[in-house]
Amino acid sequence: MQVNVHEAKSQLSRLLEMVENGETVIIARQGRPVAELIPARRKKGLPLGIAKDAPLAPPGDDWWGPLTDEELECWHESNH
């Protein structure tokens, strides 16, 4: 869909809904396309910067080994 600048300014909420529903909206000035409204890219990764500066698991494969008795007891306590 193509709209002129004036219509885009007065109908922005409706146009954004259209974009959210998959439509591309072209904004034109004097009938010439100037810009497109397209859905924003979703950020990849974990929310709120989790593990941004440090990994969730320590490097290497040690974290994959069996739990210690203390870790196992703690896990049981948190799941019962």
PDB file of N, CA and C in Angstrom:
ATOM      1  N   MET A   1       0.848  -1.171   0.000  1.00  0.00           N
ATOM      2  CA  MET A   1       0.000   0.000   0.000  1.00  0.00           C
ATOM      3  C   MET A   1       0.894   1.234   0.000  1.00  0.00           C
ATOM      4  N   GLN A   2       0.500   2.245  -0.742  1.00  0.00           N
ATOM      5  CA  GLN A   2       1.249   3.500  -0.771  1.00  0.00           C
ATOM      6  C   GLN A   2       0.370   4.621  -0.247  1.00  0.00           C
ATOM      7  N   VAL A   3       0.946   5.449   0.638  1.00  0.00           N
ATOM      8  CA  VAL A   3       0.239   6.607   1.187  1.00  0.00           C
ATOM      9  C   VAL A   3       1.134   7.827   1.077  1.00  0.00           C
ATOM     10  N   ASN A   4       0.516   9.006   1.047  1.00  0.00           N
ATOM     11  CA  ASN A   4       1.335  10.216   1.024  1.00  0.00           C
ATOM     12  C   ASN A   4       1.738  10.593   2.444  1.00  0.00           C
ATOM     13  N   VAL A   5       2.659  11.493   2.580  1.00  0.00           N
ATOM     14  CA  VAL A   5       3.207  11.881   3.876  1.00  0.00           C
ATOM     15  C   VAL A   5       2.114  12.377   4.816  1.00  0.00           C
ATOM     16  N   HIS A   6       1.219  13.215   4.321  1.00  0.00           N
ATOM     17  CA  HIS A   6       0.152  13.759   5.173  1.00  0.00           C
ATOM     18  C   HIS A   6      -0.709  12.631   5.734  1.00  0.00           C
ATOM     19  N   GLU A   7      -1.118  11.693   4.896  1.00  0.00           N
ATOM     20  CA  GLU A   7      -1.931  10.562   5.355  1.00  0.00           C
ATOM     21  C   GLU A   7      -1.147   9.710   6.347  1.00  0.00           C
ATOM     22  N   ALA A   8       0.144   9.495   6.093  1.00  0.00           N
ATOM     23  CA  ALA A   8       0.973   8.691   7.005  1.00  0.00           C
ATOM     24  C   ALA A   8       1.024   9.335   8.389  1.00  0.00           C
ATOM     25  N   LYS A   9       1.151  10.672   8.430  1.00  0.00           N
ATOM     26  CA  LYS A   9       1.193  11.361   9.719  1.00  0.00           C
ATOM     27  C   LYS A   9      -0.128  11.244  10.454  1.00  0.00           C
ATOM     28  N   SER A  10      -1.222  11.357   9.753  1.00  0.00           N
ATOM     29  CA  SER A  10      -2.521  11.343  10.423  1.00  0.00           C
ATOM     30  C   SER A  10      -3.042   9.934  10.691  1.00  0.00           C
ATOM     31  N   GLN A  11      -2.493   8.930  10.024  1.00  0.00           N
ATOM     32  CA  GLN A  11      -2.975   7.554  10.164  1.00  0.00           C
ATOM     33  C   GLN A  11      -1.883   6.588  10.627  1.00  0.00           C
ATOM     34  N   LEU A  12      -0.874   7.098  11.341  1.00  0.00           N
ATOM     35  CA  LEU A  12       0.276   6.267  11.695  1.00  0.00           C
ATOM     36  C   LEU A  12      -0.110   5.019  12.487  1.00  0.00           C
ATOM     37  N   SER A  13      -0.988   5.138  13.451  1.00  0.00           N
ATOM     38  CA  SER A  13      -1.378   3.968  14.250  1.00  0.00           C
ATOM     39  C   SER A  13      -1.985   2.877  13.373  1.00  0.00           C
ATOM     40  N   ARG A  14      -2.871   3.252  12.477  1.00  0.00           N
ATOM     41  CA  ARG A  14      -3.504   2.283  11.574  1.00  0.00           C
ATOM     42  C   ARG A  14      -2.467   1.646  10.654  1.00  0.00           C
ATOM     43  N   LEU A  15      -1.548   2.457  10.151  1.00  0.00           N
ATOM     44  CA  LEU A  15      -0.506   1.938   9.263  1.00  0.00           C
ATOM     45  C   LEU A  15       0.411   0.959  10.001  1.00  0.00           C
ATOM     46  N   LEU A  16       0.724   1.268  11.246  1.00  0.00           N
ATOM     47  CA  LEU A  16       1.557   0.348  12.031  1.00  0.00           C
ATOM     48  C   LEU A  16       0.842  -0.979  12.263  1.00  0.00           C
ATOM     49  N   GLU A  17      -0.458  -0.945  12.494  1.00  0.00           N
ATOM     50  CA  GLU A  17      -1.225  -2.183  12.630  1.00  0.00           C
ATOM     51  C   GLU A  17      -1.157  -3.005  11.356  1.00  0.00           C
ATOM     52  N   MET A  18      -1.244  -2.330  10.216  1.00  0.00           N
ATOM     53  CA  MET A  18      -1.162  -3.028   8.933  1.00  0.00           C
ATOM     54  C   MET A  18       0.195  -3.707   8.786  1.00  0.00           C
ATOM     55  N   VAL A  19       1.247  -3.000   9.175  1.00  0.00           N
ATOM     56  CA  VAL A  19       2.594  -3.565   9.092  1.00  0.00           C
ATOM     57  C   VAL A  19       2.716  -4.769  10.026  1.00  0.00           C
ATOM     58  N   GLU A  20       2.160  -4.655  11.225  1.00  0.00           N
ATOM     59  CA  GLU A  20       2.189  -5.779  12.166  1.00  0.00           C
ATOM     60  C   GLU A  20       1.462  -6.993  11.603  1.00  0.00           C
ATOM     61  N   ASN A  21       0.496  -6.766  10.715  1.00  0.00           N
ATOM     62  CA  ASN A  21      -0.259  -7.855  10.100  1.00  0.00           C
ATOM     63  C   ASN A  21       0.356  -8.317   8.784  1.00  0.00           C
ATOM     64  N   GLY A  22       1.585  -7.861   8.503  1.00  0.00           N
ATOM     65  CA  GLY A  22       2.324  -8.386   7.348  1.00  0.00           C
ATOM     66  C   GLY A  22       2.340  -7.528   6.103  1.00  0.00           C
ATOM     67  N   GLU A  23       1.666  -6.395   6.116  1.00  0.00           N
ATOM     68  CA  GLU A  23       1.647  -5.555   4.923  1.00  0.00           C
ATOM     69  C   GLU A  23       2.807  -4.566   4.941  1.00  0.00           C
ATOM     70  N   THR A  24       3.355  -4.300   3.778  1.00  0.00           N
ATOM     71  CA  THR A  24       4.384  -3.275   3.641  1.00  0.00           C
ATOM     72  C   THR A  24       3.698  -1.979   3.218  1.00  0.00           C
ATOM     73  N   VAL A  25       4.024  -0.893   3.895  1.00  0.00           N
ATOM     74  CA  VAL A  25       3.434   0.409   3.595  1.00  0.00           C
ATOM     75  C   VAL A  25       4.537   1.309   3.046  1.00  0.00           C
ATOM     76  N   ILE A  26       4.271   1.877   1.883  1.00  0.00           N
ATOM     77  CA  ILE A  26       5.225   2.796   1.257  1.00  0.00           C
ATOM     78  C   ILE A  26       4.728   4.218   1.471  1.00  0.00           C
ATOM     79  N   ILE A  27       5.620   5.075   1.939  1.00  0.00           N
ATOM     80  CA  ILE A  27       5.283   6.485   2.148  1.00  0.00           C
ATOM     81  C   ILE A  27       5.868   7.272   0.983  1.00  0.00           C
ATOM     82  N   ALA A  28       5.003   8.074   0.376  1.00  0.00           N
ATOM     83  CA  ALA A  28       5.418   8.819  -0.813  1.00  0.00           C
ATOM     84  C   ALA A  28       5.293  10.315  -0.576  1.00  0.00           C
ATOM     85  N   ARG A  29       6.135  11.052  -1.284  1.00  0.00           N
ATOM     86  CA  ARG A  29       6.049  12.516  -1.289  1.00  0.00           C
ATOM     87  C   ARG A  29       5.783  12.912  -2.736  1.00  0.00           C
ATOM     88  N   GLN A  30       4.667  13.586  -2.950  1.00  0.00           N
ATOM     89  CA  GLN A  30       4.246  13.997  -4.294  1.00  0.00           C
ATOM     90  C   GLN A  30       4.217  12.804  -5.250  1.00  0.00           C
ATOM     91  N   GLY A  31       3.710  11.669  -4.729  1.00  0.00           N
ATOM     92  CA  GLY A  31       3.547  10.479  -5.560  1.00  0.00           C
ATOM     93  C   GLY A  31       4.803   9.656  -5.770  1.00  0.00           C
ATOM     94  N   ARG A  32       5.935  10.110  -5.232  1.00  0.00           N
ATOM     95  CA  ARG A  32       7.198   9.378  -5.403  1.00  0.00           C
ATOM     96  C   ARG A  32       7.543   8.667  -4.100  1.00  0.00           C
ATOM     97  N   PRO A  33       7.747   7.340  -4.146  1.00  0.00           N
ATOM     98  CA  PRO A  33       8.090   6.589  -2.928  1.00  0.00           C
ATOM     99  C   PRO A  33       9.356   7.125  -2.277  1.00  0.00           C
ATOM    100  N   VAL A  34       9.286   7.298  -0.953  1.00  0.00           N
ATOM    101  CA  VAL A  34      10.409   7.827  -0.182  1.00  0.00           C
ATOM    102  C   VAL A  34      10.883   6.820   0.866  1.00  0.00           C
ATOM    103  N   ALA A  35       9.933   6.118   1.490  1.00  0.00           N
ATOM    104  CA  ALA A  35      10.294   5.216   2.582  1.00  0.00           C
ATOM    105  C   ALA A  35       9.301   4.056   2.644  1.00  0.00           C
ATOM    106  N   GLU A  36       9.728   2.997   3.317  1.00  0.00           N
ATOM    107  CA  GLU A  36       8.857   1.840   3.547  1.00  0.00           C
ATOM    108  C   GLU A  36       8.716   1.602   5.040  1.00  0.00           C
ATOM    109  N   LEU A  37       7.507   1.272   5.472  1.00  0.00           N
ATOM    110  CA  LEU A  37       7.293   0.808   6.841  1.00  0.00           C
ATOM    111  C   LEU A  37       7.283  -0.710   6.769  1.00  0.00           C
ATOM    112  N   ILE A  38       8.195  -1.317   7.482  1.00  0.00           N
ATOM    113  CA  ILE A  38       8.284  -2.776   7.521  1.00  0.00           C
ATOM    114  C   ILE A  38       8.411  -3.202   8.975  1.00  0.00           C
ATOM    115  N   PRO A  39       8.091  -4.468   9.294  1.00  0.00           N
ATOM    116  CA  PRO A  39       8.213  -4.903  10.683  1.00  0.00           C
ATOM    117  C   PRO A  39       9.649  -4.762  11.188  1.00  0.00           C
ATOM    118  N   ALA A  40       9.786  -4.383  12.448  1.00  0.00           N
ATOM    119  CA  ALA A  40      11.105  -4.277  13.070  1.00  0.00           C
ATOM    120  C   ALA A  40      11.681  -5.674  13.253  1.00  0.00           C
ATOM    121  N   ARG A  41      12.985  -5.771  13.155  1.00  0.00           N
ATOM    122  CA  ARG A  41      13.647  -7.052  13.414  1.00  0.00           C
ATOM    123  C   ARG A  41      13.638  -7.317  14.896  1.00  0.00           C
ATOM    124  N   ARG A  42      13.361  -8.528  15.238  1.00  0.00           N
ATOM    125  CA  ARG A  42      13.417  -8.917  16.647  1.00  0.00           C
ATOM    126  C   ARG A  42      14.857  -9.216  17.010  1.00  0.00           C
ATOM    127  N   LYS A  43      15.265  -8.738  18.167  1.00  0.00           N
ATOM    128  CA  LYS A  43      16.623  -9.002  18.628  1.00  0.00           C
ATOM    129  C   LYS A  43      16.767 -10.469  18.965  1.00  0.00           C
ATOM    130  N   LYS A  44      17.902 -11.012  18.604  1.00  0.00           N
ATOM    131  CA  LYS A  44      18.188 -12.398  18.941  1.00  0.00           C
ATOM    132  C   LYS A  44      18.931 -12.443  20.258  1.00  0.00           C
ATOM    133  N   GLY A  45      18.903 -13.579  20.878  1.00  0.00           N
ATOM    134  CA  GLY A  45      19.644 -13.739  22.116  1.00  0.00           C
ATOM    135  C   GLY A  45      18.725 -13.765  23.319  1.00  0.00           C
ATOM    136  N   LEU A  46      19.321 -13.782  24.449  1.00  0.00           N
ATOM    137  CA  LEU A  46      18.582 -13.882  25.696  1.00  0.00           C
ATOM    138  C   LEU A  46      18.061 -12.510  26.109  1.00  0.00           C
ATOM    139  N   PRO A  47      16.910 -12.469  26.776  1.00  0.00           N
ATOM    140  CA  PRO A  47      16.326 -11.176  27.151  1.00  0.00           C
ATOM    141  C   PRO A  47      17.099 -10.466  28.253  1.00  0.00           C
ATOM    142  N   LEU A  48      16.957  -9.168  28.275  1.00  0.00           N
ATOM    143  CA  LEU A  48      17.483  -8.314  29.341  1.00  0.00           C
ATOM    144  C   LEU A  48      18.988  -8.425  29.550  1.00  0.00           C
ATOM    145  N   GLY A  49      19.723  -8.790  28.510  1.00  0.00           N
ATOM    146  CA  GLY A  49      21.179  -8.845  28.612  1.00  0.00           C
ATOM    147  C   GLY A  49      21.717 -10.009  29.416  1.00  0.00           C
ATOM    148  N   ILE A  50      20.887 -11.051  29.623  1.00  0.00           N
ATOM    149  CA  ILE A  50      21.361 -12.221  30.369  1.00  0.00           C
ATOM    150  C   ILE A  50      22.565 -12.806  29.635  1.00  0.00           C
ATOM    151  N   ALA A  51      23.596 -13.117  30.375  1.00  0.00           N
ATOM    152  CA  ALA A  51      24.819 -13.737  29.849  1.00  0.00           C
ATOM    153  C   ALA A  51      25.520 -12.852  28.820  1.00  0.00           C
ATOM    154  N   LYS A  52      25.269 -11.566  28.862  1.00  0.00           N
ATOM    155  CA  LYS A  52      25.906 -10.654  27.913  1.00  0.00           C
ATOM    156  C   LYS A  52      27.419 -10.616  28.130  1.00  0.00           C
ATOM    157  N   ASP A  53      27.837 -10.525  29.386  1.00  0.00           N
ATOM    158  CA  ASP A  53      29.256 -10.408  29.681  1.00  0.00           C
ATOM    159  C   ASP A  53      29.907 -11.721  30.103  1.00  0.00           C
ATOM    160  N   ALA A  54      29.108 -12.696  30.462  1.00  0.00           N
ATOM    161  CA  ALA A  54      29.656 -13.979  30.905  1.00  0.00           C
ATOM    162  C   ALA A  54      28.732 -15.093  30.417  1.00  0.00           C
ATOM    163  N   PRO A  55      29.294 -16.199  29.986  1.00  0.00           N
ATOM    164  CA  PRO A  55      28.452 -17.296  29.510  1.00  0.00           C
ATOM    165  C   PRO A  55      27.642 -17.903  30.657  1.00  0.00           C
ATOM    166  N   LEU A  56      26.547 -18.562  30.289  1.00  0.00           N
ATOM    167  CA  LEU A  56      25.722 -19.211  31.291  1.00  0.00           C
ATOM    168  C   LEU A  56      26.428 -20.432  31.882  1.00  0.00           C
ATOM    169  N   ALA A  57      27.270 -21.072  31.111  1.00  0.00           N
ATOM    170  CA  ALA A  57      28.016 -22.242  31.581  1.00  0.00           C
ATOM    171  C   ALA A  57      29.505 -21.939  31.471  1.00  0.00           C
ATOM    172  N   PRO A  58      30.301 -22.453  32.372  1.00  0.00           N
ATOM    173  CA  PRO A  58      31.743 -22.199  32.297  1.00  0.00           C
ATOM    174  C   PRO A  58      32.335 -22.861  31.054  1.00  0.00           C
ATOM    175  N   PRO A  59      33.459 -22.349  30.582  1.00  0.00           N
ATOM    176  CA  PRO A  59      34.097 -22.942  29.405  1.00  0.00           C
ATOM    177  C   PRO A  59      34.525 -24.385  29.686  1.00  0.00           C
ATOM    178  N   GLY A  60      34.619 -25.145  28.642  1.00  0.00           N
ATOM    179  CA  GLY A  60      35.023 -26.540  28.784  1.00  0.00           C
ATOM    180  C   GLY A  60      33.821 -27.440  29.017  1.00  0.00           C
ATOM    181  N   ASP A  61      34.098 -28.712  29.257  1.00  0.00           N
ATOM    182  CA  ASP A  61      33.030 -29.693  29.419  1.00  0.00           C
ATOM    183  C   ASP A  61      32.812 -30.108  30.864  1.00  0.00           C
ATOM    184  N   ASP A  62      33.501 -29.494  31.820  1.00  0.00           N
ATOM    185  CA  ASP A  62      33.364 -29.900  33.214  1.00  0.00           C
ATOM    186  C   ASP A  62      31.936 -29.746  33.728  1.00  0.00           C
ATOM    187  N   TRP A  63      31.223 -28.743  33.252  1.00  0.00           N
ATOM    188  CA  TRP A  63      29.863 -28.497  33.723  1.00  0.00           C
ATOM    189  C   TRP A  63      28.921 -29.618  33.312  1.00  0.00           C
ATOM    190  N   TRP A  64      29.313 -30.421  32.325  1.00  0.00           N
ATOM    191  CA  TRP A  64      28.471 -31.484  31.791  1.00  0.00           C
ATOM    192  C   TRP A  64      28.589 -32.775  32.611  1.00  0.00           C
ATOM    193  N   GLY A  65      29.543 -32.821  33.503  1.00  0.00           N
ATOM    194  CA  GLY A  65      29.773 -34.024  34.300  1.00  0.00           C
ATOM    195  C   GLY A  65      28.708 -34.235  35.356  1.00  0.00           C
ATOM    196  N   PRO A  66      28.810 -35.321  36.094  1.00  0.00           N
ATOM    197  CA  PRO A  66      27.813 -35.613  37.139  1.00  0.00           C
ATOM    198  C   PRO A  66      27.827 -34.552  38.234  1.00  0.00           C
ATOM    199  N   LEU A  67      26.654 -34.376  38.854  1.00  0.00           N
ATOM    200  CA  LEU A  67      26.541 -33.435  39.962  1.00  0.00           C
ATOM    201  C   LEU A  67      27.283 -33.966  41.179  1.00  0.00           C
ATOM    202  N   THR A  68      27.814 -33.038  41.953  1.00  0.00           N
ATOM    203  CA  THR A  68      28.382 -33.440  43.238  1.00  0.00           C
ATOM    204  C   THR A  68      27.222 -33.774  44.169  1.00  0.00           C
ATOM    205  N   ASP A  69      27.525 -34.437  45.293  1.00  0.00           N
ATOM    206  CA  ASP A  69      26.474 -34.763  46.261  1.00  0.00           C
ATOM    207  C   ASP A  69      25.770 -33.492  46.746  1.00  0.00           C
ATOM    208  N   GLU A  70      26.547 -32.439  46.966  1.00  0.00           N
ATOM    209  CA  GLU A  70      25.990 -31.166  47.434  1.00  0.00           C
ATOM    210  C   GLU A  70      25.058 -30.565  46.377  1.00  0.00           C
ATOM    211  N   GLU A  71      25.471 -30.557  45.108  1.00  0.00           N
ATOM    212  CA  GLU A  71      24.642 -30.031  44.026  1.00  0.00           C
ATOM    213  C   GLU A  71      23.360 -30.854  43.877  1.00  0.00           C
ATOM    214  N   LEU A  72      23.495 -32.168  43.974  1.00  0.00           N
ATOM    215  CA  LEU A  72      22.350 -33.050  43.853  1.00  0.00           C
ATOM    216  C   LEU A  72      21.337 -32.801  44.979  1.00  0.00           C
ATOM    217  N   GLU A  73      21.831 -32.638  46.189  1.00  0.00           N
ATOM    218  CA  GLU A  73      20.962 -32.365  47.331  1.00  0.00           C
ATOM    219  C   GLU A  73      20.243 -31.030  47.140  1.00  0.00           C
ATOM    220  N   CYS A  74      20.973 -30.037  46.709  1.00  0.00           N
ATOM    221  CA  CYS A  74      20.392 -28.712  46.463  1.00  0.00           C
ATOM    222  C   CYS A  74      19.322 -28.804  45.370  1.00  0.00           C
ATOM    223  N   TRP A  75      19.591 -29.561  44.325  1.00  0.00           N
ATOM    224  CA  TRP A  75      18.634 -29.712  43.235  1.00  0.00           C
ATOM    225  C   TRP A  75      17.363 -30.395  43.739  1.00  0.00           C
ATOM    226  N   HIS A  76      17.524 -31.445  44.531  1.00  0.00           N
ATOM    227  CA  HIS A  76      16.365 -32.146  45.084  1.00  0.00           C
ATOM    228  C   HIS A  76      15.532 -31.218  45.958  1.00  0.00           C
ATOM    229  N   GLU A  77      16.186 -30.403  46.761  1.00  0.00           N
ATOM    230  CA  GLU A  77      15.468 -29.470  47.644  1.00  0.00           C
ATOM    231  C   GLU A  77      14.670 -28.447  46.840  1.00  0.00           C
ATOM    232  N   SER A  78      15.222 -27.995  45.741  1.00  0.00           N
ATOM    233  CA  SER A  78      14.533 -26.961  44.956  1.00  0.00           C
ATOM    234  C   SER A  78      13.412 -27.535  44.095  1.00  0.00           C
ATOM    235  N   ASN A  79      13.347 -28.835  43.929  1.00  0.00           N
ATOM    236  CA  ASN A  79      12.313 -29.451  43.091  1.00  0.00           C
ATOM    237  C   ASN A  79      11.283 -30.223  43.893  1.00  0.00           C
ATOM    238  N   HIS A  80      11.295 -30.094  45.201  1.00  0.00           N
ATOM    239  CA  HIS A  80      10.290 -30.792  46.006  1.00  0.00           C
ATOM    240  C   HIS A  80       9.584 -29.844  46.927  1.00  0.00           C
TER     241      HIS A  80
END
